[in-house]
Full PDB file with SEQRES, HELIX, SHEET, SSBOND, CRYST1, ORIGX, SCALE, CONECT and MASTER records, all heavy atoms in Angstrom:
SEQRES   1 A   33  ASP PHE TYR GLU SER LEU LEU GLY TRP PRO ARG ARG SER          
SEQRES   2 A   33  ASP ALA PRO GLU TRP VAL GLU LEU ALA PRO SER ASP GLY          
SEQRES   3 A   33  GLY ALA GLY LEU SER PHE GLN                                  
HELIX    1 AA1 PHE A    2  LEU A    7  1                                   6    
SHEET    1 AA1 3 ARG A  11  ALA A  15  0                                        
SHEET    2 AA1 3 TRP A  18  LEU A  21 -1                                        
SHEET    3 AA1 3 LEU A  30  PHE A  32 -1                                        
CRYST1    1.000    1.000    1.000  90.00  90.00  90.00 P 1           1          
ORIGX1      1.000000  0.000000  0.000000        0.00000                         
ORIGX2      0.000000  1.000000  0.000000        0.00000                         
ORIGX3      0.000000  0.000000  1.000000        0.00000                         
SCALE1      1.000000  0.000000  0.000000        0.00000                         
SCALE2      0.000000  1.000000  0.000000        0.00000                         
SCALE3      0.000000  0.000000  1.000000        0.00000                         
ATOM      1  N   ASP A   1      10.652-114.027  97.526  1.00  0.00           N  
ATOM      2  CA  ASP A   1      10.312-115.324  96.943  1.00  0.00           C  
ATOM      3  C   ASP A   1      11.559-115.994  96.352  1.00  0.00           C  
ATOM      4  O   ASP A   1      11.779-117.197  96.525  1.00  0.00           O  
ATOM      5  CB  ASP A   1       9.286-115.172  95.819  1.00  0.00           C  
ATOM      6  CG  ASP A   1       7.885-114.816  96.320  1.00  0.00           C  
ATOM      7  OD1 ASP A   1       7.605-114.968  97.530  1.00  0.00           O  
ATOM      8  OD2 ASP A   1       7.072-114.368  95.480  1.00  0.00           O  
ATOM      9  N   PHE A   2      12.371-115.196  95.625  1.00  0.00           N  
ATOM     10  CA  PHE A   2      13.589-115.733  95.012  1.00  0.00           C  
ATOM     11  C   PHE A   2      14.539-116.289  96.076  1.00  0.00           C  
ATOM     12  O   PHE A   2      14.988-117.432  95.987  1.00  0.00           O  
ATOM     13  CB  PHE A   2      14.286-114.654  94.181  1.00  0.00           C  
ATOM     14  CG  PHE A   2      15.665-115.052  93.728  1.00  0.00           C  
ATOM     15  CD1 PHE A   2      15.833-115.906  92.664  1.00  0.00           C  
ATOM     16  CD2 PHE A   2      16.796-114.564  94.389  1.00  0.00           C  
ATOM     17  CE1 PHE A   2      17.109-116.286  92.250  1.00  0.00           C  
ATOM     18  CE2 PHE A   2      18.064-114.933  93.990  1.00  0.00           C  
ATOM     19  CZ  PHE A   2      18.225-115.807  92.909  1.00  0.00           C  
ATOM     20  N   TYR A   3      14.855-115.468  97.090  1.00  0.00           N  
ATOM     21  CA  TYR A   3      15.810-115.907  98.104  1.00  0.00           C  
ATOM     22  C   TYR A   3      15.240-117.013  98.992  1.00  0.00           C  
ATOM     23  O   TYR A   3      15.975-117.895  99.450  1.00  0.00           O  
ATOM     24  CB  TYR A   3      16.302-114.723  98.931  1.00  0.00           C  
ATOM     25  CG  TYR A   3      17.345-113.920  98.179  1.00  0.00           C  
ATOM     26  CD1 TYR A   3      17.014-112.738  97.532  1.00  0.00           C  
ATOM     27  CD2 TYR A   3      18.656-114.374  98.084  1.00  0.00           C  
ATOM     28  CE1 TYR A   3      17.970-112.018  96.819  1.00  0.00           C  
ATOM     29  CE2 TYR A   3      19.611-113.659  97.377  1.00  0.00           C  
ATOM     30  CZ  TYR A   3      19.262-112.499  96.746  1.00  0.00           C  
ATOM     31  OH  TYR A   3      20.206-111.786  96.036  1.00  0.00           O  
ATOM     32  N   GLU A   4      13.945-117.021  99.221  1.00  0.00           N  
ATOM     33  CA  GLU A   4      13.324-118.104  99.984  1.00  0.00           C  
ATOM     34  C   GLU A   4      13.527-119.432  99.252  1.00  0.00           C  
ATOM     35  O   GLU A   4      13.895-120.432  99.858  1.00  0.00           O  
ATOM     36  CB  GLU A   4      11.842-117.796 100.172  1.00  0.00           C  
ATOM     37  CG  GLU A   4      11.104-118.831 101.006  1.00  0.00           C  
ATOM     38  CD  GLU A   4       9.648-118.443 101.215  1.00  0.00           C  
ATOM     39  OE1 GLU A   4       9.059-117.729 100.378  1.00  0.00           O  
ATOM     40  OE2 GLU A   4       9.098-118.872 102.259  1.00  0.00           O  
ATOM     41  N   SER A   5      13.325-119.425  97.942  1.00  0.00           N  
ATOM     42  CA  SER A   5      13.530-120.646  97.145  1.00  0.00           C  
ATOM     43  C   SER A   5      15.004-121.015  97.044  1.00  0.00           C  
ATOM     44  O   SER A   5      15.363-122.188  97.118  1.00  0.00           O  
ATOM     45  CB  SER A   5      12.948-120.454  95.741  1.00  0.00           C  
ATOM     46  OG  SER A   5      11.557-120.309  95.802  1.00  0.00           O  
ATOM     47  N   LEU A   6      15.858-120.010  96.867  1.00  0.00           N  
ATOM     48  CA  LEU A   6      17.289-120.273  96.736  1.00  0.00           C  
ATOM     49  C   LEU A   6      17.894-120.832  98.020  1.00  0.00           C  
ATOM     50  O   LEU A   6      18.610-121.836  97.995  1.00  0.00           O  
ATOM     51  CB  LEU A   6      18.029-118.986  96.336  1.00  0.00           C  
ATOM     52  CG  LEU A   6      19.522-119.142  96.063  1.00  0.00           C  
ATOM     53  CD1 LEU A   6      19.759-119.896  94.770  1.00  0.00           C  
ATOM     54  CD2 LEU A   6      20.200-117.771  96.013  1.00  0.00           C  
ATOM     55  N   LEU A   7      17.611-120.187  99.141  1.00  0.00           N  
ATOM     56  CA  LEU A   7      18.241-120.551 100.409  1.00  0.00           C  
ATOM     57  C   LEU A   7      17.444-121.587 101.213  1.00  0.00           C  
ATOM     58  O   LEU A   7      17.996-122.222 102.105  1.00  0.00           O  
ATOM     59  CB  LEU A   7      18.439-119.296 101.268  1.00  0.00           C  
ATOM     60  CG  LEU A   7      19.334-118.220 100.655  1.00  0.00           C  
ATOM     61  CD1 LEU A   7      19.264-116.939 101.484  1.00  0.00           C  
ATOM     62  CD2 LEU A   7      20.765-118.721 100.533  1.00  0.00           C  
ATOM     63  N   GLY A   8      16.158-121.704 100.929  1.00  0.00           N  
ATOM     64  CA  GLY A   8      15.318-122.629 101.701  1.00  0.00           C  
ATOM     65  C   GLY A   8      15.000-122.117 103.088  1.00  0.00           C  
ATOM     66  O   GLY A   8      14.671-122.910 103.976  1.00  0.00           O  
ATOM     67  N   TRP A   9      15.078-120.811 103.285  1.00  0.00           N  
ATOM     68  CA  TRP A   9      14.796-120.230 104.595  1.00  0.00           C  
ATOM     69  C   TRP A   9      13.320-119.864 104.701  1.00  0.00           C  
ATOM     70  O   TRP A   9      12.753-119.295 103.761  1.00  0.00           O  
ATOM     71  CB  TRP A   9      15.618-118.968 104.816  1.00  0.00           C  
ATOM     72  CG  TRP A   9      17.083-119.158 104.967  1.00  0.00           C  
ATOM     73  CD1 TRP A   9      17.791-120.326 104.977  1.00  0.00           C  
ATOM     74  CD2 TRP A   9      18.044-118.119 105.108  1.00  0.00           C  
ATOM     75  NE1 TRP A   9      19.123-120.078 105.126  1.00  0.00           N  
ATOM     76  CE2 TRP A   9      19.312-118.714 105.207  1.00  0.00           C  
ATOM     77  CE3 TRP A   9      17.962-116.729 105.152  1.00  0.00           C  
ATOM     78  CZ2 TRP A   9      20.483-117.995 105.357  1.00  0.00           C  
ATOM     79  CZ3 TRP A   9      19.125-115.995 105.308  1.00  0.00           C  
ATOM     80  CH2 TRP A   9      20.379-116.629 105.427  1.00  0.00           C  
ATOM     81  N   PRO A  10      12.716-120.121 105.842  1.00  0.00           N  
ATOM     82  CA  PRO A  10      11.317-119.724 106.030  1.00  0.00           C  
ATOM     83  C   PRO A  10      11.185-118.215 106.313  1.00  0.00           C  
ATOM     84  O   PRO A  10      12.143-117.566 106.722  1.00  0.00           O  
ATOM     85  CB  PRO A  10      10.873-120.537 107.254  1.00  0.00           C  
ATOM     86  CG  PRO A  10      12.145-120.768 108.018  1.00  0.00           C  
ATOM     87  CD  PRO A  10      13.246-120.860 106.990  1.00  0.00           C  
ATOM     88  N   ARG A  11       9.976-117.734 106.106  1.00  0.00           N  
ATOM     89  CA  ARG A  11       9.675-116.326 106.402  1.00  0.00           C  
ATOM     90  C   ARG A  11       9.456-116.154 107.898  1.00  0.00           C  
ATOM     91  O   ARG A  11       8.716-116.903 108.511  1.00  0.00           O  
ATOM     92  CB  ARG A  11       8.445-115.864 105.630  1.00  0.00           C  
ATOM     93  CG  ARG A  11       8.737-115.822 104.144  1.00  0.00           C  
ATOM     94  CD  ARG A  11       7.611-115.251 103.344  1.00  0.00           C  
ATOM     95  NE  ARG A  11       7.981-115.424 101.931  1.00  0.00           N  
ATOM     96  CZ  ARG A  11       7.677-114.580 100.986  1.00  0.00           C  
ATOM     97  NH1 ARG A  11       6.969-113.503 101.251  1.00  0.00           N  
ATOM     98  NH2 ARG A  11       8.059-114.807  99.744  1.00  0.00           N  
ATOM     99  N   ARG A  12      10.121-115.145 108.432  1.00  0.00           N  
ATOM    100  CA  ARG A  12       9.942-114.770 109.830  1.00  0.00           C  
ATOM    101  C   ARG A  12       8.808-113.759 109.943  1.00  0.00           C  
ATOM    102  O   ARG A  12       8.090-113.725 110.919  1.00  0.00           O  
ATOM    103  CB  ARG A  12      11.246-114.193 110.383  1.00  0.00           C  
ATOM    104  CG  ARG A  12      11.220-113.927 111.854  1.00  0.00           C  
ATOM    105  CD  ARG A  12      12.489-113.304 112.382  1.00  0.00           C  
ATOM    106  NE  ARG A  12      13.700-113.839 111.814  1.00  0.00           N  
ATOM    107  CZ  ARG A  12      14.909-113.314 112.000  1.00  0.00           C  
ATOM    108  NH1 ARG A  12      15.064-112.235 112.730  1.00  0.00           N  
ATOM    109  NH2 ARG A  12      15.959-113.844 111.440  1.00  0.00           N  
ATOM    110  N   SER A  13       8.684-112.906 108.947  1.00  0.00           N  
ATOM    111  CA  SER A  13       7.581-111.964 108.866  1.00  0.00           C  
ATOM    112  C   SER A  13       7.299-111.670 107.400  1.00  0.00           C  
ATOM    113  O   SER A  13       8.183-111.807 106.556  1.00  0.00           O  
ATOM    114  CB  SER A  13       7.880-110.672 109.631  1.00  0.00           C  
ATOM    115  OG  SER A  13       8.865-109.921 108.965  1.00  0.00           O  
ATOM    116  N   ASP A  14       6.056-111.292 107.118  1.00  0.00           N  
ATOM    117  CA  ASP A  14       5.651-111.086 105.728  1.00  0.00           C  
ATOM    118  C   ASP A  14       4.582-110.008 105.689  1.00  0.00           C  
ATOM    119  O   ASP A  14       3.443-110.232 106.107  1.00  0.00           O  
ATOM    120  CB  ASP A  14       5.124-112.400 105.158  1.00  0.00           C  
ATOM    121  CG  ASP A  14       4.833-112.332 103.664  1.00  0.00           C  
ATOM    122  OD1 ASP A  14       4.866-111.229 103.086  1.00  0.00           O  
ATOM    123  OD2 ASP A  14       4.569-113.387 103.090  1.00  0.00           O  
ATOM    124  N   ALA A  15       4.958-108.849 105.210  1.00  0.00           N  
ATOM    125  CA  ALA A  15       4.030-107.734 105.007  1.00  0.00           C  
ATOM    126  C   ALA A  15       4.229-107.259 103.572  1.00  0.00           C  
ATOM    127  O   ALA A  15       5.246-107.554 102.950  1.00  0.00           O  
ATOM    128  CB  ALA A  15       4.309-106.619 106.011  1.00  0.00           C  
ATOM    129  N   PRO A  16       3.279-106.513 103.024  1.00  0.00           N  
ATOM    130  CA  PRO A  16       3.397-106.100 101.622  1.00  0.00           C  
ATOM    131  C   PRO A  16       4.709-105.398 101.284  1.00  0.00           C  
ATOM    132  O   PRO A  16       5.242-105.588 100.200  1.00  0.00           O  
ATOM    133  CB  PRO A  16       2.192-105.173 101.416  1.00  0.00           C  
ATOM    134  CG  PRO A  16       1.207-105.639 102.422  1.00  0.00           C  
ATOM    135  CD  PRO A  16       2.016-106.077 103.616  1.00  0.00           C  
ATOM    136  N   GLU A  17       5.240-104.608 102.190  1.00  0.00           N  
ATOM    137  CA  GLU A  17       6.440-103.825 101.871  1.00  0.00           C  
ATOM    138  C   GLU A  17       7.663-104.242 102.689  1.00  0.00           C  
ATOM    139  O   GLU A  17       8.721-103.612 102.583  1.00  0.00           O  
ATOM    140  CB  GLU A  17       6.142-102.335 102.061  1.00  0.00           C  
ATOM    141  CG  GLU A  17       4.886-101.962 101.298  1.00  0.00           C  
ATOM    142  CD  GLU A  17       4.940-100.642 100.609  1.00  0.00           C  
ATOM    143  OE1 GLU A  17       5.896 -99.883 100.800  1.00  0.00           O  
ATOM    144  OE2 GLU A  17       3.992-100.372  99.861  1.00  0.00           O  
ATOM    145  N   TRP A  18       7.550-105.318 103.481  1.00  0.00           N  
ATOM    146  CA  TRP A  18       8.658-105.759 104.329  1.00  0.00           C  
ATOM    147  C   TRP A  18       8.546-107.263 104.557  1.00  0.00           C  
ATOM    148  O   TRP A  18       7.512-107.757 105.022  1.00  0.00           O  
ATOM    149  CB  TRP A  18       8.617-105.038 105.665  1.00  0.00           C  
ATOM    150  CG  TRP A  18       9.721-105.440 106.600  1.00  0.00           C  
ATOM    151  CD1 TRP A  18       9.636-106.374 107.595  1.00  0.00           C  
ATOM    152  CD2 TRP A  18      11.066-104.962 106.616  1.00  0.00           C  
ATOM    153  NE1 TRP A  18      10.851-106.495 108.235  1.00  0.00           N  
ATOM    154  CE2 TRP A  18      11.743-105.631 107.648  1.00  0.00           C  
ATOM    155  CE3 TRP A  18      11.755-104.026 105.854  1.00  0.00           C  
ATOM    156  CZ2 TRP A  18      13.073-105.394 107.942  1.00  0.00           C  
ATOM    157  CZ3 TRP A  18      13.083-103.795 106.152  1.00  0.00           C  
ATOM    158  CH2 TRP A  18      13.732-104.470 107.189  1.00  0.00           C  
ATOM    159  N   VAL A  19       9.604-107.999 104.220  1.00  0.00           N  
ATOM    160  CA  VAL A  19       9.647-109.455 104.416  1.00  0.00           C  
ATOM    161  C   VAL A  19      10.970-109.803 105.078  1.00  0.00           C  
ATOM    162  O   VAL A  19      12.012-109.242 104.734  1.00  0.00           O  
ATOM    163  CB  VAL A  19       9.512-110.214 103.073  1.00  0.00           C  
ATOM    164  CG1 VAL A  19       9.581-111.721 103.287  1.00  0.00           C  
ATOM    165  CG2 VAL A  19       8.223-109.824 102.356  1.00  0.00           C  
ATOM    166  N   GLU A  20      10.919-110.724 106.023  1.00  0.00           N  
ATOM    167  CA  GLU A  20      12.130-111.222 106.683  1.00  0.00           C  
ATOM    168  C   GLU A  20      12.226-112.730 106.491  1.00  0.00           C  
ATOM    169  O   GLU A  20      11.253-113.441 106.704  1.00  0.00           O  
ATOM    170  CB  GLU A  20      12.099-110.925 108.183  1.00  0.00           C  
ATOM    171  CG  GLU A  20      12.096-109.466 108.538  1.00  0.00           C  
ATOM    172  CD  GLU A  20      11.965-109.223 110.031  1.00  0.00           C  
ATOM    173  OE1 GLU A  20      12.148-110.168 110.834  1.00  0.00           O  
ATOM    174  OE2 GLU A  20      11.686-108.078 110.404  1.00  0.00           O  
ATOM    175  N   LEU A  21      13.417-113.180 106.092  1.00  0.00           N  
ATOM    176  CA  LEU A  21      13.742-114.606 106.014  1.00  0.00           C  
ATOM    177  C   LEU A  21      14.841-114.877 107.029  1.00  0.00           C  
ATOM    178  O   LEU A  21      15.696-114.023 107.269  1.00  0.00           O  
ATOM    179  CB  LEU A  21      14.276-114.990 104.636  1.00  0.00           C  
ATOM    180  CG  LEU A  21      13.437-114.696 103.405  1.00  0.00           C  
ATOM    181  CD1 LEU A  21      14.207-115.138 102.154  1.00  0.00           C  
ATOM    182  CD2 LEU A  21      12.091-115.379 103.475  1.00  0.00           C  
ATOM    183  N   ALA A  22      14.841-116.082 107.593  1.00  0.00           N  
ATOM    184  CA  ALA A  22      15.905-116.444 108.529  1.00  0.00           C  
ATOM    185  C   ALA A  22      16.112-117.950 108.504  1.00  0.00           C  
ATOM    186  O   ALA A  22      15.152-118.704 108.324  1.00  0.00           O  
ATOM    187  CB  ALA A  22      15.553-115.993 109.944  1.00  0.00           C  
ATOM    188  N   PRO A  23      17.354-118.376 108.686  1.00  0.00           N  
ATOM    189  CA  PRO A  23      17.600-119.815 108.720  1.00  0.00           C  
ATOM    190  C   PRO A  23      16.919-120.445 109.930  1.00  0.00           C  
ATOM    191  O   PRO A  23      16.823-119.825 110.997  1.00  0.00           O  
ATOM    192  CB  PRO A  23      19.126-119.930 108.820  1.00  0.00           C  
ATOM    193  CG  PRO A  23      19.595-118.603 109.299  1.00  0.00           C  
ATOM    194  CD  PRO A  23      18.579-117.594 108.896  1.00  0.00           C  
ATOM    195  N   SER A  24      16.414-121.647 109.769  1.00  0.00           N  
ATOM    196  CA  SER A  24      15.691-122.334 110.854  1.00  0.00           C  
ATOM    197  C   SER A  24      16.541-122.568 112.081  1.00  0.00           C  
ATOM    198  O   SER A  24      16.038-122.608 113.200  1.00  0.00           O  
ATOM    199  CB  SER A  24      15.149-123.687 110.350  1.00  0.00           C  
ATOM    200  OG  SER A  24      14.251-123.479 109.308  1.00  0.00           O  
ATOM    201  N   ASP A  25      17.858-122.720 111.878  1.00  0.00           N  
ATOM    202  CA  ASP A  25      18.745-122.996 113.005  1.00  0.00           C  
ATOM    203  C   ASP A  25      19.263-121.732 113.687  1.00  0.00           C  
ATOM    204  O   ASP A  25      20.166-121.790 114.512  1.00  0.00           O  
ATOM    205  CB  ASP A  25      19.913-123.883 112.567  1.00  0.00           C  
ATOM    206  CG  ASP A  25      20.753-123.275 111.464  1.00  0.00           C  
ATOM    207  OD1 ASP A  25      20.396-122.188 110.943  1.00  0.00           O  
ATOM    208  OD2 ASP A  25      21.781-123.875 111.109  1.00  0.00           O  
ATOM    209  N   GLY A  26      18.697-120.587 113.356  1.00  0.00           N  
ATOM    210  CA  GLY A  26      19.087-119.330 113.995  1.00  0.00           C  
ATOM    211  C   GLY A  26      20.124-118.593 113.170  1.00  0.00           C  
ATOM    212  O   GLY A  26      20.510-119.006 112.085  1.00  0.00           O  
ATOM    213  N   GLY A  27      20.548-117.466 113.667  1.00  0.00           N  
ATOM    214  CA  GLY A  27      21.532-116.654 112.978  1.00  0.00           C  
ATOM    215  C   GLY A  27      20.893-115.519 112.202  1.00  0.00           C  
ATOM    216  O   GLY A  27      19.672-115.379 112.138  1.00  0.00           O  
ATOM    217  N   ALA A  28      21.745-114.710 111.632  1.00  0.00           N  
ATOM    218  CA  ALA A  28      21.280-113.546 110.871  1.00  0.00           C  
ATOM    219  C   ALA A  28      20.522-113.979 109.629  1.00  0.00           C  
ATOM    220  O   ALA A  28      20.799-115.010 109.031  1.00  0.00           O  
ATOM    221  CB  ALA A  28      22.472-112.669 110.479  1.00  0.00           C  
ATOM    222  N   GLY A  29      19.555-113.169 109.257  1.00  0.00           N  
ATOM    223  CA  GLY A  29      18.735-113.477 108.103  1.00  0.00           C  
ATOM    224  C   GLY A  29      18.840-112.396 107.041  1.00  0.00           C  
ATOM    225  O   GLY A  29      19.760-111.566 107.046  1.00  0.00           O  
ATOM    226  N   LEU A  30      17.893-112.401 106.144  1.00  0.00           N  
ATOM    227  CA  LEU A  30      17.784-111.389 105.095  1.00  0.00           C  
ATOM    228  C   LEU A  30      16.409-110.748 105.202  1.00  0.00           C  
ATOM    229  O   LEU A  30      15.408-111.436 105.412  1.00  0.00           O  
ATOM    230  CB  LEU A  30      17.903-112.018 103.711  1.00  0.00           C  
ATOM    231  CG  LEU A  30      19.268-112.425 103.223  1.00  0.00           C  
ATOM    232  CD1 LEU A  30      19.154-113.154 101.887  1.00  0.00           C  
ATOM    233  CD2 LEU A  30      20.145-111.204 103.055  1.00  0.00           C  
ATOM    234  N   SER A  31      16.392-109.428 105.046  1.00  0.00           N  
ATOM    235  CA  SER A  31      15.141-108.687 105.005  1.00  0.00           C  
ATOM    236  C   SER A  31      15.030-107.988 103.664  1.00  0.00           C  
ATOM    237  O   SER A  31      16.049-107.702 103.017  1.00  0.00           O  
ATOM    238  CB  SER A  31      15.092-107.648 106.130  1.00  0.00           C  
ATOM    239  OG  SER A  31      15.172-108.272 107.398  1.00  0.00           O  
ATOM    240  N   PHE A  32      13.811-107.722 103.263  1.00  0.00           N  
ATOM    241  CA  PHE A  32      13.541-107.102 101.971  1.00  0.00           C  
ATOM    242  C   PHE A  32      12.528-105.995 102.178  1.00  0.00           C  
ATOM    243  O   PHE A  32      11.515-106.204 102.848  1.00  0.00           O  
ATOM    244  CB  PHE A  32      12.987-108.147 100.987  1.00  0.00           C  
ATOM    245  CG  PHE A  32      13.862-109.356 100.885  1.00  0.00           C  
ATOM    246  CD1 PHE A  32      13.700-110.424 101.754  1.00  0.00           C  
ATOM    247  CD2 PHE A  32      14.887-109.406  99.962  1.00  0.00           C  
ATOM    248  CE1 PHE A  32      14.525-111.526 101.690  1.00  0.00           C  
ATOM    249  CE2 PHE A  32      15.732-110.510  99.891  1.00  0.00           C  
ATOM    250  CZ  PHE A  32      15.542-111.575 100.761  1.00  0.00           C  
ATOM    251  N   GLN A  33      12.830-104.833 101.622  1.00  0.00           N  
ATOM    252  CA  GLN A  33      11.879-103.731 101.733  1.00  0.00           C  
ATOM    253  C   GLN A  33      11.586-103.172 100.356  1.00  0.00           C  
ATOM    254  O   GLN A  33      12.477-103.088  99.503  1.00  0.00           O  
ATOM    255  CB  GLN A  33      12.359-102.647 102.689  1.00  0.00           C  
ATOM    256  CG  GLN A  33      13.515-101.822 102.207  1.00  0.00           C  
ATOM    257  CD  GLN A  33      13.924-100.774 103.236  1.00  0.00           C  
ATOM    258  OE1 GLN A  33      13.452-100.755 104.367  1.00  0.00           O  
ATOM    259  NE2 GLN A  33      14.811 -99.892 102.843  1.00  0.00           N  
TER     260      GLN A  33                                                      
MASTER        0    0    0    1    3    0    0    6  259    1    0    3          
END                                                                             
């Protein structure tokens, strides 16, 4: 939630113990476990 708000990147996947964010224009993203 913090990095989504900070970077403005949408969620690519969202599960209780694993979330992926990625920039809309492609490229490497951030995952959280």
